[in-house]
N, C-alpha and C. Protein backbone atom coordinates (compact mmCIF):
# COMPACT_ATOMS: atom_id res chain seq x y z
N UNK A 1 0.67 -1.16 -0.03
CA UNK A 1 0.03 0.41 0.13
C UNK A 1 1.10 1.41 0.08
N UNK A 2 0.63 2.31 -0.78
CA UNK A 2 1.09 3.89 -1.10
C UNK A 2 0.71 4.86 -0.29
N UNK A 3 1.42 5.20 0.61
CA UNK A 3 0.60 6.50 1.42
C UNK A 3 0.15 7.75 0.65
N UNK A 4 -0.14 8.23 1.11
CA UNK A 4 -1.36 8.88 0.11
C UNK A 4 -0.40 10.12 -0.02
N UNK A 5 -0.14 11.18 -0.64
CA UNK A 5 0.34 12.30 -0.99
C UNK A 5 0.13 13.28 0.18
N UNK A 6 1.26 13.80 0.82
CA UNK A 6 -0.08 14.91 1.88
C UNK A 6 0.14 16.33 0.94
N UNK A 7 -0.82 17.38 1.67
CA UNK A 7 -1.71 17.89 0.51
C UNK A 7 -2.44 18.81 1.82
N UNK A 8 -2.27 20.17 0.91
CA UNK A 8 -2.72 21.11 1.08
C UNK A 8 -3.79 21.37 1.98
N UNK A 9 -4.26 21.78 3.57
CA UNK A 9 -5.16 21.68 4.21
C UNK A 9 -5.41 23.43 4.90
N UNK A 10 -6.35 23.77 5.44
CA UNK A 10 -6.96 24.72 5.25
C UNK A 10 -8.34 24.58 6.44
N UNK A 11 -8.46 25.87 7.42
CA UNK A 11 -9.18 26.10 8.40
C UNK A 11 -9.31 27.37 9.10
N UNK A 12 -10.43 27.91 9.27
CA UNK A 12 -11.06 28.54 10.09
C UNK A 12 -10.80 28.43 11.73
N UNK A 13 -9.78 29.33 12.30
CA UNK A 13 -9.70 29.74 13.02
C UNK A 13 -9.77 30.69 13.93
N UNK A 14 -10.69 31.11 14.58
CA UNK A 14 -11.27 31.90 14.95
C UNK A 14 -11.74 33.18 14.01
N UNK A 15 -11.05 34.82 13.61
CA UNK A 15 -11.02 34.97 12.63
C UNK A 15 -9.78 35.09 11.37
N UNK A 16 -9.38 33.49 11.82
CA UNK A 16 -8.00 33.79 10.81
C UNK A 16 -8.18 32.01 9.66
N UNK A 17 -7.70 32.61 8.85
CA UNK A 17 -7.24 31.33 7.82
C UNK A 17 -6.26 31.46 8.04
N UNK A 18 -6.60 29.80 8.47
CA UNK A 18 -5.10 28.48 8.46
C UNK A 18 -5.27 27.66 7.65
N UNK A 19 -3.88 27.71 6.91
CA UNK A 19 -3.28 26.77 6.08
C UNK A 19 -1.85 26.84 6.47
N UNK A 20 -2.15 25.14 6.43
CA UNK A 20 -1.07 24.75 6.20
C UNK A 20 -0.76 23.68 4.99
N UNK A 21 0.79 24.21 4.09
CA UNK A 21 1.03 23.07 3.20
C UNK A 21 2.96 22.57 3.64
N UNK A 22 2.28 20.97 3.52
CA UNK A 22 3.41 20.72 3.30
C UNK A 22 5.44 20.63 2.96
N UNK A 23 6.12 20.89 3.75
CA UNK A 23 7.27 21.87 3.80
C UNK A 23 8.13 20.18 2.55
N UNK A 24 9.14 21.04 1.53
CA UNK A 24 10.04 19.90 0.99
C UNK A 24 10.50 19.78 1.69
N UNK A 25 11.46 18.32 1.74
CA UNK A 25 12.15 17.54 2.72
C UNK A 25 13.40 19.01 2.58
N UNK A 26 13.88 18.38 0.93
CA UNK A 26 14.68 19.57 0.58
C UNK A 26 14.29 20.67 -0.26
N UNK A 27 14.75 21.90 0.19
CA UNK A 27 14.34 23.60 -1.03
C UNK A 27 14.82 22.58 -2.12
N UNK A 28 14.13 23.08 -2.97
CA UNK A 28 14.32 22.90 -4.38
C UNK A 28 14.15 24.46 -5.66
N UNK A 29 15.35 24.19 -6.05
CA UNK A 29 15.19 24.36 -7.47
C UNK A 29 14.22 25.35 -7.88
N UNK A 30 13.31 27.00 -7.91
CA UNK A 30 11.93 27.00 -8.97
C UNK A 30 12.56 26.71 -10.10
N UNK A 31 10.92 27.23 -10.61
CA UNK A 31 11.28 27.05 -12.87
C UNK A 31 11.95 27.70 -13.19
N UNK A 32 12.05 29.38 -12.33
CA UNK A 32 13.19 30.11 -13.25
C UNK A 32 13.68 29.81 -12.68
N UNK A 33 14.30 29.08 -11.49
CA UNK A 33 16.13 29.07 -11.18
C UNK A 33 16.59 30.33 -9.82
N UNK A 34 15.77 30.60 -9.62
CA UNK A 34 16.27 32.16 -9.18
C UNK A 34 16.02 31.56 -7.66
N UNK A 35 15.35 30.36 -7.43
CA UNK A 35 14.81 30.47 -5.31
C UNK A 35 15.06 29.14 -5.18
N UNK A 36 14.73 29.38 -4.26
CA UNK A 36 14.83 27.98 -3.68
C UNK A 36 13.04 27.27 -2.81
N UNK A 37 12.00 26.35 -4.25
CA UNK A 37 10.90 26.64 -2.62
C UNK A 37 11.00 25.13 -2.11
N UNK A 38 10.53 26.11 -0.31
CA UNK A 38 10.73 25.22 0.45
C UNK A 38 8.62 24.63 0.78
N UNK A 39 8.25 24.97 0.05
CA UNK A 39 6.50 24.45 0.58
C UNK A 39 6.11 25.29 -0.59
N UNK A 40 5.10 24.20 -1.30
CA UNK A 40 4.26 25.01 -2.41
C UNK A 40 3.48 24.05 -2.40
N UNK A 41 1.98 24.72 -3.05
CA UNK A 41 0.17 24.05 -3.32
C UNK A 41 0.47 24.09 -4.34
N UNK A 42 1.60 24.17 -5.72
CA UNK A 42 2.15 23.63 -6.61
C UNK A 42 0.41 24.41 -7.99
N UNK A 43 -0.19 25.68 -7.57
CA UNK A 43 -0.78 26.08 -7.74
C UNK A 43 -2.47 27.08 -7.11
N UNK A 44 -3.50 27.34 -7.43
CA UNK A 44 -4.35 27.19 -6.55
C UNK A 44 -4.90 25.70 -6.34
N UNK A 45 -4.69 25.79 -5.30
CA UNK A 45 -6.28 25.15 -4.59
C UNK A 45 -7.29 25.17 -3.54
N UNK A 46 -8.38 24.28 -3.83
CA UNK A 46 -9.90 24.31 -3.61
C UNK A 46 -9.67 23.46 -2.32
N UNK A 47 -10.21 24.28 -1.00
CA UNK A 47 -9.88 23.76 -0.07
C UNK A 47 -11.38 23.50 0.59
N UNK A 48 -11.49 22.78 1.83
CA UNK A 48 -12.46 22.45 2.48
C UNK A 48 -13.42 23.47 3.33
N UNK A 49 -13.24 25.07 2.91
CA UNK A 49 -13.13 25.83 3.71
C UNK A 49 -14.40 26.34 2.88
N UNK A 50 -15.73 26.90 3.85
CA UNK A 50 -16.41 27.74 2.93
C UNK A 50 -16.62 29.29 3.70
N UNK A 51 -16.87 30.23 2.43
CA UNK A 51 -17.48 30.91 3.27
C UNK A 51 -18.10 31.70 2.22
N UNK A 52 -19.24 32.03 3.36
CA UNK A 52 -20.95 32.57 2.38
C UNK A 52 -20.70 31.41 1.28
N UNK A 53 -20.92 29.66 1.87
CA UNK A 53 -21.37 28.89 1.41
C UNK A 53 -20.52 28.35 0.22
N UNK A 54 -19.50 29.01 0.00
CA UNK A 54 -18.66 28.64 -1.04
C UNK A 54 -16.98 28.66 -1.44
N UNK A 55 -16.83 27.45 -2.04
CA UNK A 55 -15.06 27.42 -1.26
C UNK A 55 -14.06 28.27 -1.74
N UNK A 56 -13.31 28.43 -0.22
CA UNK A 56 -11.94 28.83 -0.87
C UNK A 56 -10.85 28.31 -0.94
N UNK A 57 -10.15 28.98 -1.95
CA UNK A 57 -9.21 28.56 -3.05
C UNK A 57 -7.84 29.57 -3.22
N UNK A 58 -6.62 28.36 -2.35
CA UNK A 58 -5.52 28.89 -1.92
C UNK A 58 -4.67 28.74 -2.95
N UNK A 59 -3.36 29.56 -3.08
CA UNK A 59 -2.00 29.41 -3.71
C UNK A 59 -1.03 30.01 -2.96
N UNK A 60 -0.60 28.36 -2.36
CA UNK A 60 1.02 29.13 -1.68
C UNK A 60 2.15 28.55 -2.50
N UNK A 61 2.89 30.03 -2.21
CA UNK A 61 4.85 29.64 -2.81
C UNK A 61 5.36 29.94 -1.89
N UNK A 62 6.57 29.37 -0.95
CA UNK A 62 6.73 29.65 0.38
C UNK A 62 8.75 29.45 -0.78
N UNK A 63 9.46 30.21 -0.17
CA UNK A 63 10.94 29.64 -1.19
C UNK A 63 11.70 31.17 -0.05
N UNK A 64 13.08 30.25 -0.27
CA UNK A 64 14.41 31.50 -0.05
C UNK A 64 14.91 31.99 -1.41
N UNK A 65 16.33 32.65 -0.99
CA UNK A 65 16.79 33.65 -1.58
C UNK A 65 18.16 32.27 -2.04
N UNK A 66 18.45 31.69 -2.73
CA UNK A 66 20.17 31.31 -2.54
C UNK A 66 21.32 32.49 -2.37
N UNK A 67 21.86 31.89 -1.27
CA UNK A 67 23.05 32.82 -0.99
C UNK A 67 23.11 34.04 -0.11
N UNK A 68 21.77 34.25 0.34
CA UNK A 68 21.63 35.22 1.32
C UNK A 68 21.22 34.83 3.00
């Protein structure tokens, strides 16, 4: 049996939208090569969170600049 892939999750905690994105075990070079990606949603993803009865979509990229 294979493990299910980690995925972005979101929830509402009080007045905050809390987003959890799995981190890469090791930063990977971005497509442009200018940054190292530490976590990404890989595009906009639909979450289980709803506002006014509509699903909330989230897109996240977390990165570092090499050499800084």
